[in-house]
N, C-alpha and C. Protein backbone atom coordinates (compact mmCIF):
# COMPACT_ATOMS: atom_id res chain seq x y z
N MET A 1 0.79 -1.03 -0.19
CA MET A 1 -0.04 0.10 0.04
C MET A 1 0.58 1.35 0.07
N ASN A 2 0.83 2.00 -1.09
CA ASN A 2 1.31 3.66 -1.17
C ASN A 2 0.79 4.10 -0.14
N HIS A 3 1.31 4.76 0.63
CA HIS A 3 0.85 5.40 2.07
C HIS A 3 1.01 6.66 1.92
N GLN A 4 2.01 7.09 1.30
CA GLN A 4 1.10 8.74 0.93
C GLN A 4 0.34 9.18 0.06
N GLY A 5 -0.15 8.03 -1.10
CA GLY A 5 -1.24 7.96 -1.85
C GLY A 5 -2.32 8.14 -1.03
N VAL A 6 -2.79 7.43 -0.27
CA VAL A 6 -3.79 7.29 0.70
C VAL A 6 -3.59 8.06 1.19
N SER A 7 -3.00 8.80 1.96
CA SER A 7 -3.09 9.78 2.78
C SER A 7 -3.69 11.25 2.48
N GLU A 8 -3.32 10.99 0.89
CA GLU A 8 -4.33 12.33 0.65
C GLU A 8 -5.60 12.66 -0.47
N ILE A 9 -5.95 10.98 -0.06
CA ILE A 9 -7.09 10.92 -0.60
C ILE A 9 -8.97 11.98 -0.26
N VAL A 10 -8.78 12.29 -1.14
CA VAL A 10 -9.97 13.48 -0.88
C VAL A 10 -11.14 13.20 -2.43
N PHE A 11 -12.45 12.98 -1.97
CA PHE A 11 -12.68 12.98 -2.86
C PHE A 11 -14.10 13.70 -2.94
N GLU A 12 -14.99 13.70 -3.78
CA GLU A 12 -16.33 14.28 -4.16
C GLU A 12 -16.98 13.61 -5.20
N GLU A 13 -18.00 12.89 -4.89
CA GLU A 13 -18.66 12.08 -5.56
C GLU A 13 -20.18 12.70 -5.82
N VAL A 14 -21.11 11.83 -7.15
CA VAL A 14 -22.59 12.41 -6.69
C VAL A 14 -23.01 11.33 -7.58
N TYR A 15 -24.06 11.37 -6.38
CA TYR A 15 -24.67 9.68 -7.13
C TYR A 15 -26.33 9.79 -6.85
N ARG A 16 -27.40 9.30 -8.00
CA ARG A 16 -28.24 9.45 -8.26
C ARG A 16 -28.58 7.81 -7.38
N VAL A 17 -29.87 8.64 -6.65
CA VAL A 17 -30.51 6.75 -5.94
C VAL A 17 -31.54 6.34 -6.74
N PRO A 18 -31.35 5.12 -6.77
CA PRO A 18 -32.65 4.20 -8.04
C PRO A 18 -33.21 4.03 -7.22
N PRO A 19 -34.42 4.01 -7.90
CA PRO A 19 -35.94 2.96 -7.10
C PRO A 19 -35.67 1.54 -6.62
N GLU A 20 -34.69 0.95 -7.31
CA GLU A 20 -34.45 -1.01 -6.76
C GLU A 20 -33.72 -0.11 -5.39
N GLN A 21 -32.94 0.52 -4.83
CA GLN A 21 -32.46 0.83 -3.87
C GLN A 21 -33.53 1.22 -2.73
N THR A 22 -33.87 1.50 -2.08
CA THR A 22 -35.56 1.95 -1.68
C THR A 22 -35.55 0.41 -0.65
N ALA A 23 -35.84 0.74 0.77
CA ALA A 23 -35.54 0.02 1.98
C ALA A 23 -37.00 -1.54 1.38
N ARG A 24 -37.78 -0.82 0.85
CA ARG A 24 -39.16 -1.58 0.44
C ARG A 24 -38.72 -2.39 -0.50
N ALA A 25 -38.07 -2.33 -1.63
CA ALA A 25 -37.36 -3.01 -2.62
C ALA A 25 -36.36 -3.79 -2.15
N LEU A 26 -35.47 -3.38 -1.39
CA LEU A 26 -34.36 -4.48 -0.61
C LEU A 26 -35.35 -5.57 0.09
N PHE A 27 -35.79 -4.91 1.29
CA PHE A 27 -36.10 -5.97 2.53
C PHE A 27 -37.35 -6.92 1.71
N ALA A 28 -38.46 -6.86 0.70
CA ALA A 28 -39.41 -7.51 -0.26
C ALA A 28 -38.28 -8.85 -0.53
N ARG A 29 -36.87 -8.65 -0.81
CA ARG A 29 -36.06 -9.33 -1.96
C ARG A 29 -35.86 -10.26 -0.72
N LEU A 30 -35.74 -10.15 0.77
CA LEU A 30 -35.19 -10.93 1.77
C LEU A 30 -35.86 -11.56 2.49
N PRO A 31 -35.50 -12.58 2.51
CA PRO A 31 -36.25 -13.77 3.54
C PRO A 31 -37.30 -13.30 4.44
N HIS A 32 -36.34 -12.71 5.33
CA HIS A 32 -37.36 -12.15 6.67
C HIS A 32 -37.85 -10.95 6.62
N GLY A 33 -37.92 -10.51 5.66
CA GLY A 33 -38.18 -8.70 5.44
C GLY A 33 -39.29 -8.88 4.38
N SER A 34 -39.71 -9.99 3.54
CA SER A 34 -40.46 -9.71 2.89
C SER A 34 -42.16 -9.60 3.00
N ASP A 35 -41.93 -10.27 4.50
CA ASP A 35 -43.39 -10.30 4.81
C ASP A 35 -44.31 -9.10 5.24
N TYR A 36 -42.75 -7.51 5.42
CA TYR A 36 -43.57 -6.48 6.18
C TYR A 36 -42.79 -5.24 5.28
N ALA A 37 -42.03 -5.70 3.74
CA ALA A 37 -41.14 -4.56 3.32
C ALA A 37 -42.82 -3.72 2.19
N ALA A 38 -43.91 -4.03 2.07
CA ALA A 38 -44.73 -3.32 1.60
C ALA A 38 -45.18 -1.85 2.84
N ASN A 39 -44.54 -2.27 4.01
CA ASN A 39 -44.98 -1.26 5.02
C ASN A 39 -43.83 -0.03 5.06
N LEU A 40 -42.64 -0.74 4.21
CA LEU A 40 -40.96 0.16 4.48
C LEU A 40 -41.97 1.72 3.81
N ILE A 41 -40.86 2.62 3.78
CA ILE A 41 -40.82 3.95 2.92
C ILE A 41 -40.21 3.43 1.99
N GLU A 42 -40.29 4.42 0.94
CA GLU A 42 -39.97 4.44 -0.17
C GLU A 42 -38.60 5.14 -0.26
N CYS A 43 -37.50 4.89 0.61
CA CYS A 43 -36.39 5.85 0.62
C CYS A 43 -35.22 5.21 0.35
N LEU A 44 -33.53 5.25 0.28
CA LEU A 44 -33.17 4.77 0.43
C LEU A 44 -32.24 4.10 1.10
N ALA A 45 -32.38 2.55 1.65
CA ALA A 45 -32.31 1.93 2.20
C ALA A 45 -30.88 1.66 2.98
N THR A 46 -30.30 1.89 4.33
CA THR A 46 -29.42 2.00 4.64
C THR A 46 -28.54 1.44 4.45
N GLY A 47 -28.62 -0.26 4.32
CA GLY A 47 -27.54 -1.02 3.85
C GLY A 47 -27.48 -0.48 2.62
N TYR A 48 -27.59 -0.22 1.65
CA TYR A 48 -27.09 0.51 0.34
C TYR A 48 -26.51 1.83 0.26
N LEU A 49 -26.88 2.85 1.14
CA LEU A 49 -25.90 3.90 1.47
C LEU A 49 -24.67 3.38 2.35
N VAL A 50 -24.74 2.40 2.80
CA VAL A 50 -23.18 2.05 3.27
C VAL A 50 -22.50 1.96 2.02
N ALA A 51 -23.01 0.61 1.03
CA ALA A 51 -22.40 -0.06 -0.11
C ALA A 51 -22.14 0.90 -0.74
N VAL A 52 -22.84 1.95 -0.96
CA VAL A 52 -22.39 3.09 -1.78
C VAL A 52 -20.96 3.99 -0.92
N ALA A 53 -21.33 4.19 -0.01
CA ALA A 53 -20.07 5.05 0.67
C ALA A 53 -18.91 4.06 0.85
N GLU A 54 -19.13 2.67 1.21
CA GLU A 54 -17.79 2.08 0.90
C GLU A 54 -17.16 1.98 -0.46
N SER A 55 -18.28 2.19 -1.35
CA SER A 55 -17.32 1.45 -2.48
C SER A 55 -16.82 2.66 -2.96
N ILE A 56 -17.04 3.84 -3.32
CA ILE A 56 -16.41 4.32 -3.41
C ILE A 56 -14.92 4.86 -2.68
N CYS A 57 -14.44 4.73 -1.13
CA CYS A 57 -13.23 4.17 -0.50
C CYS A 57 -12.98 3.47 -1.27
N ILE A 58 -13.68 1.94 -1.87
CA ILE A 58 -12.28 1.68 -2.18
C ILE A 58 -12.04 1.92 -3.16
N ARG A 59 -12.69 1.94 -4.30
CA ARG A 59 -12.16 2.57 -5.81
C ARG A 59 -11.00 3.56 -5.69
N GLU A 60 -11.18 4.62 -4.87
CA GLU A 60 -10.05 5.49 -4.23
C GLU A 60 -8.83 4.70 -3.67
N MET A 61 -8.83 3.73 -2.74
CA MET A 61 -7.77 3.29 -2.05
C MET A 61 -6.85 2.35 -2.91
N GLN A 62 -8.19 1.67 -3.88
CA GLN A 62 -7.59 0.94 -4.89
C GLN A 62 -6.16 0.92 -5.96
N LEU A 63 -6.72 2.69 -6.21
CA LEU A 63 -5.07 3.57 -6.73
C LEU A 63 -4.39 3.02 -6.12
N HIS A 64 -4.02 2.58 -4.94
CA HIS A 64 -2.59 3.02 -4.44
C HIS A 64 -2.59 2.09 -3.89
N ILE A 65 -2.71 0.53 -4.21
CA ILE A 65 -2.36 -1.26 -3.96
C ILE A 65 -1.83 -1.41 -5.04
N ASP A 66 -1.21 -2.59 -4.77
CA ASP A 66 -0.63 -3.77 -6.07
C ASP A 66 -2.31 -4.46 -6.34
N THR A 67 -2.68 -4.00 -7.13
CA THR A 67 -4.13 -5.05 -7.09
C THR A 67 -3.54 -6.56 -7.85
N ALA A 68 -2.37 -6.86 -8.29
CA ALA A 68 -2.17 -7.82 -8.09
C ALA A 68 -1.91 -8.89 -7.00
N THR A 69 -1.70 -8.45 -5.89
CA THR A 69 -0.43 -8.49 -4.54
C THR A 69 -1.64 -8.77 -3.74
N GLU A 70 -2.51 -7.84 -3.76
CA GLU A 70 -3.49 -6.75 -2.66
C GLU A 70 -4.57 -6.89 -2.87
N VAL A 71 -5.48 -6.91 -1.87
CA VAL A 71 -7.52 -6.57 -2.17
C VAL A 71 -7.51 -5.57 -0.76
N VAL A 72 -8.64 -4.72 -1.28
CA VAL A 72 -9.28 -4.04 -0.43
C VAL A 72 -10.20 -4.29 0.28
N VAL A 73 -10.18 -5.20 1.72
CA VAL A 73 -11.48 -5.29 2.41
C VAL A 73 -12.15 -4.68 3.74
N GLY A 74 -13.39 -4.46 3.64
CA GLY A 74 -13.98 -3.78 4.43
C GLY A 74 -13.44 -4.50 5.98
N ARG A 75 -13.09 -3.47 6.54
CA ARG A 75 -12.97 -3.93 8.39
C ARG A 75 -14.43 -3.12 9.73
N ALA A 76 -14.35 -2.26 9.29
CA ALA A 76 -15.66 -1.87 9.75
C ALA A 76 -16.21 -0.39 9.08
N VAL A 77 -17.51 0.12 9.74
CA VAL A 77 -18.09 0.94 9.20
C VAL A 77 -19.23 1.25 10.27
N ARG A 78 -19.06 2.80 10.67
CA ARG A 78 -20.18 3.66 11.64
C ARG A 78 -20.98 4.29 10.43
N LEU A 79 -22.12 4.30 10.79
CA LEU A 79 -22.67 5.16 9.81
C LEU A 79 -24.28 5.80 10.52
N GLU A 80 -24.25 7.04 10.79
CA GLU A 80 -25.13 7.76 11.19
C GLU A 80 -25.99 8.49 9.98
N HIS A 81 -27.74 7.35 9.72
CA HIS A 81 -28.45 8.02 9.17
C HIS A 81 -29.64 8.37 9.63
N ARG A 82 -29.10 9.80 8.91
CA ARG A 82 -29.53 11.13 9.42
C ARG A 82 -31.22 11.81 8.74
N GLY A 83 -31.23 11.30 7.96
CA GLY A 83 -32.35 11.72 6.58
C GLY A 83 -32.95 11.00 5.72
N PRO A 84 -34.20 10.74 5.39
CA PRO A 84 -34.76 9.97 4.49
C PRO A 84 -34.30 10.11 3.08
N ILE A 85 -33.91 9.70 1.75
CA ILE A 85 -33.15 9.87 1.04
C ILE A 85 -34.17 9.07 -0.44
N PRO A 86 -35.14 9.86 -0.62
CA PRO A 86 -35.95 9.19 -1.62
C PRO A 86 -35.29 8.82 -2.70
N ALA A 87 -36.15 7.93 -3.97
CA ALA A 87 -35.40 7.56 -5.10
C ALA A 87 -35.18 8.77 -5.99
N GLY A 88 -34.22 9.04 -6.53
CA GLY A 88 -34.68 9.91 -7.64
C GLY A 88 -33.38 11.18 -7.11
N SER A 89 -33.31 11.02 -5.76
CA SER A 89 -32.51 12.24 -4.96
C SER A 89 -30.96 11.93 -5.65
N VAL A 90 -30.55 13.43 -5.49
CA VAL A 90 -29.04 13.05 -6.06
C VAL A 90 -28.17 13.73 -4.88
N LEU A 91 -27.52 12.51 -4.29
CA LEU A 91 -26.54 12.64 -3.33
C LEU A 91 -24.94 13.12 -3.59
N THR A 92 -24.58 14.04 -3.35
CA THR A 92 -23.11 15.02 -2.99
C THR A 92 -22.35 13.88 -1.49
N LEU A 93 -21.51 12.90 -1.84
CA LEU A 93 -20.31 11.99 -1.45
C LEU A 93 -18.74 13.03 -1.02
N ARG A 94 -18.86 13.40 0.08
CA ARG A 94 -17.56 13.93 0.15
C ARG A 94 -17.02 13.28 1.06
N GLY A 95 -15.53 12.61 1.19
CA GLY A 95 -14.91 12.11 1.36
C GLY A 95 -13.58 12.34 1.42
N TRP A 96 -12.99 11.93 2.98
CA TRP A 96 -11.63 12.58 3.47
C TRP A 96 -10.59 11.19 3.87
N LEU A 97 -9.69 10.99 4.40
CA LEU A 97 -8.90 10.40 5.22
C LEU A 97 -8.58 10.52 6.34
N GLU A 98 -9.37 9.66 7.05
CA GLU A 98 -9.11 10.32 8.72
C GLU A 98 -7.81 9.94 9.46
N ARG A 99 -7.88 8.74 9.52
CA ARG A 99 -6.80 8.25 10.42
C ARG A 99 -6.03 6.95 9.13
N LEU A 100 -4.27 6.83 9.05
CA LEU A 100 -3.90 6.04 8.22
C LEU A 100 -3.23 4.78 9.32
N GLY A 101 -3.02 3.46 9.01
CA GLY A 101 -2.65 2.59 9.73
C GLY A 101 -1.60 2.00 9.00
N GLU A 102 -0.93 0.87 9.65
CA GLU A 102 0.01 0.01 8.65
C GLU A 102 -0.48 -0.35 7.59
N ARG A 103 -1.48 -0.78 7.83
CA ARG A 103 -2.64 -1.48 5.94
C ARG A 103 -3.81 -1.09 5.88
N SER A 104 -3.95 -0.31 7.14
CA SER A 104 -5.83 0.24 6.95
C SER A 104 -5.41 1.55 6.63
N ALA A 105 -7.01 2.42 6.43
CA ALA A 105 -7.06 3.62 5.84
C ALA A 105 -8.52 3.31 6.52
N THR A 106 -8.91 4.59 7.47
CA THR A 106 -10.23 5.35 7.82
C THR A 106 -10.57 6.20 7.02
N PHE A 107 -11.83 6.56 6.55
CA PHE A 107 -12.73 7.54 5.61
C PHE A 107 -13.63 8.43 6.63
N CYS A 108 -13.47 9.20 6.28
CA CYS A 108 -15.31 10.11 6.63
C CYS A 108 -15.63 10.60 5.78
N VAL A 109 -17.02 10.06 5.53
CA VAL A 109 -17.90 10.27 4.33
C VAL A 109 -19.14 10.91 5.00
N GLN A 110 -19.37 12.15 4.62
CA GLN A 110 -20.52 12.60 4.46
C GLN A 110 -21.50 12.86 3.43
N ALA A 111 -22.82 12.39 3.77
CA ALA A 111 -23.30 12.54 2.27
C ALA A 111 -24.57 13.83 2.32
N SER A 112 -24.89 14.16 1.45
CA SER A 112 -25.85 15.50 1.46
C SER A 112 -26.72 14.98 0.51
N ASP A 113 -28.03 15.43 0.46
CA ASP A 113 -28.64 15.99 -0.42
C ASP A 113 -29.32 17.55 -0.73
N ALA A 114 -30.24 18.05 -1.14
CA ALA A 114 -30.26 19.01 -1.68
C ALA A 114 -30.33 19.85 -0.66
N HIS A 115 -31.25 19.88 0.38
CA HIS A 115 -31.58 20.04 2.35
C HIS A 115 -31.11 19.38 2.69
N GLU A 116 -30.44 18.90 3.11
CA GLU A 116 -29.48 18.63 4.32
C GLU A 116 -28.28 17.79 4.42
N ILE A 117 -27.57 17.57 5.44
CA ILE A 117 -26.31 15.93 5.77
C ILE A 117 -27.61 15.03 5.93
N VAL A 118 -27.81 14.10 4.71
CA VAL A 118 -28.52 12.92 5.03
C VAL A 118 -27.86 11.77 6.00
N ALA A 119 -26.33 11.64 5.97
CA ALA A 119 -25.92 10.77 6.43
C ALA A 119 -24.05 11.38 6.41
N GLU A 120 -23.83 10.58 7.75
CA GLU A 120 -22.33 10.64 8.31
C GLU A 120 -21.71 9.39 8.81
N SER A 121 -20.30 9.12 8.13
CA SER A 121 -19.92 7.29 8.07
C SER A 121 -18.25 7.74 8.73
N LEU A 122 -17.82 6.84 9.13
CA LEU A 122 -16.34 6.18 9.65
C LEU A 122 -16.46 5.07 8.19
N ILE A 123 -15.27 4.46 7.56
CA ILE A 123 -15.02 3.13 6.87
C ILE A 123 -14.06 3.04 7.11
N THR A 124 -13.08 1.91 7.84
CA THR A 124 -12.16 1.28 7.90
C THR A 124 -12.07 0.50 6.49
N LEU A 125 -11.19 0.73 6.19
CA LEU A 125 -10.66 -0.53 4.72
C LEU A 125 -9.18 -1.43 5.00
N VAL A 126 -9.08 -2.65 4.75
CA VAL A 126 -7.82 -2.71 5.06
C VAL A 126 -6.89 -3.54 3.60
N ALA A 127 -5.65 -3.24 3.59
CA ALA A 127 -5.18 -4.00 2.32
C ALA A 127 -4.61 -5.02 2.46
N VAL A 128 -4.80 -6.37 2.42
CA VAL A 128 -4.54 -7.43 2.89
C VAL A 128 -3.77 -8.12 1.22
N GLN A 129 -3.34 -9.07 1.50
CA GLN A 129 -2.26 -9.46 0.76
C GLN A 129 -3.47 -11.15 0.00
N ARG A 130 -3.95 -10.77 -1.06
CA ARG A 130 -4.64 -11.49 -2.13
C ARG A 130 -4.53 -12.98 -1.62
N ALA A 131 -3.42 -13.55 -1.93
CA ALA A 131 -2.95 -14.99 -1.87
C ALA A 131 -3.84 -15.29 -0.54
N ALA A 132 -3.17 -14.33 0.80
CA ALA A 132 -3.80 -15.05 2.53
C ALA A 132 -5.48 -14.96 2.21
N ILE A 133 -5.99 -14.15 1.71
CA ILE A 133 -7.35 -13.87 2.03
C ILE A 133 -8.45 -15.18 0.71
N GLU A 134 -7.30 -15.22 -0.41
CA GLU A 134 -8.08 -16.24 -1.32
C GLU A 134 -8.10 -17.80 -0.47
N SER A 135 -6.55 -17.86 0.24
CA SER A 135 -6.81 -19.04 0.64
C SER A 135 -7.90 -19.35 2.10
N ARG A 136 -8.25 -18.03 2.99
CA ARG A 136 -8.53 -18.49 4.08
C ARG A 136 -10.62 -18.28 3.42
N ILE A 137 -11.02 -17.92 1.71
CA ILE A 137 -12.37 -18.46 1.58
C ILE A 137 -11.99 -19.10 1.06
N THR A 138 -11.02 -20.31 0.50
CA THR A 138 -10.91 -21.37 -0.01
C THR A 138 -11.69 -22.67 1.17
N THR A 139 -10.81 -22.34 1.93
CA THR A 139 -10.64 -23.27 3.36
C THR A 139 -11.96 -23.40 3.79
N LYS A 140 -13.25 -21.90 3.63
CA LYS A 140 -14.66 -21.92 3.83
C LYS A 140 -15.02 -22.68 3.16
N VAL A 141 -14.90 -22.37 1.90
CA VAL A 141 -15.57 -23.10 0.69
C VAL A 141 -15.43 -24.91 0.71
N THR A 142 -14.80 -25.19 1.24
CA THR A 142 -14.46 -26.42 1.31
C THR A 142 -14.56 -26.84 2.44
N ALA A 143 -14.93 -26.60 3.24
CA ALA A 143 -15.66 -26.85 4.53
C ALA A 143 -17.52 -26.64 3.83
N LEU A 144 -17.77 -25.49 3.25
CA LEU A 144 -19.18 -25.68 2.70
C LEU A 144 -19.48 -27.21 2.54
N ARG A 145 -18.78 -27.40 1.24
CA ARG A 145 -18.97 -28.37 0.49
C ARG A 145 -19.05 -29.71 1.18
N GLY A 146 -18.52 -30.02 2.43
CA GLY A 146 -18.21 -30.73 3.16
C GLY A 146 -19.54 -31.13 3.98
N GLU A 147 -19.94 -29.70 4.48
CA GLU A 147 -21.14 -29.61 5.34
C GLU A 147 -22.42 -30.21 4.38
N ARG A 148 -22.43 -30.08 3.10
CA ARG A 148 -23.68 -30.17 2.22
C ARG A 148 -23.43 -31.46 1.64
N CYS A 149 -22.32 -32.05 1.79
CA CYS A 149 -22.17 -33.63 1.36
C CYS A 149 -22.32 -34.25 2.44
N GLN A 150 -22.23 -34.06 3.26
CA GLN A 150 -23.12 -34.65 4.45
C GLN A 150 -24.46 -34.86 4.96
N ALA A 151 -25.03 -34.34 3.83
CA ALA A 151 -26.72 -33.82 3.76
C ALA A 151 -27.36 -35.47 3.51
N PRO A 152 -28.30 -36.08 4.12
CA PRO A 152 -28.93 -37.23 3.28
C PRO A 152 -29.37 -37.13 2.15
N SER A 153 -29.60 -36.29 1.63
CA SER A 153 -30.74 -36.14 0.17
C SER A 153 -29.74 -36.63 -0.91
N LEU A 154 -30.35 -37.03 -2.13
CA LEU A 154 -29.98 -37.46 -3.31
C LEU A 154 -29.52 -36.46 -4.17
N LEU A 155 -30.01 -35.49 -4.05
CA LEU A 155 -29.75 -33.81 -4.77
C LEU A 155 -27.71 -34.05 -4.08
N HIS A 156 -28.16 -33.53 -2.64
CA HIS A 156 -26.67 -33.68 -2.36
C HIS A 156 -25.54 -34.34 -2.39
N LEU A 157 -25.89 -35.38 -2.77
CA LEU A 157 -24.92 -36.73 -3.26
C LEU A 157 -24.32 -36.27 -4.36
N ILE A 158 -25.16 -35.78 -5.27
CA ILE A 158 -25.34 -35.63 -6.69
C ILE A 158 -24.27 -34.73 -6.66
N GLU A 159 -24.26 -33.53 -6.09
CA GLU A 159 -23.65 -32.24 -6.38
C GLU A 159 -22.47 -32.91 -5.16
N CYS A 160 -22.53 -33.61 -4.85
CA CYS A 160 -20.71 -33.76 -4.15
C CYS A 160 -20.06 -34.79 -5.05
């Protein structure tokens, strides 16, 4: 990770909220949310707000790592969703580096619409060795396959 480059990260990004990213639309697709999704509001889901802010920070940090050997992953997100953000709203996301560690960077991101600051967040990302994280993932995928193969159904036996 290029510490000098990461230390200089500042961004301002404009994002228009699509209708498929509302709380109602998101929860309708989730098994535990589909029963009450119709009662939710047609505003940007907090989960999507996190993803939008995190994706911009990751994009900026990737410019300062060796993508052949490193990958940026999320470590922590603290977000205060302060106001409703209807579909079609234009958000301006402003961000800057708050703290820099040996392999990590914490960004402050502020999201505003035409009326107010609608969210403030701290997002911590880590540059990890690609081979190490891929090895950990492979171990877990192998374990999951083993768990599926222990199931007694014929379909599972065919998959294994």
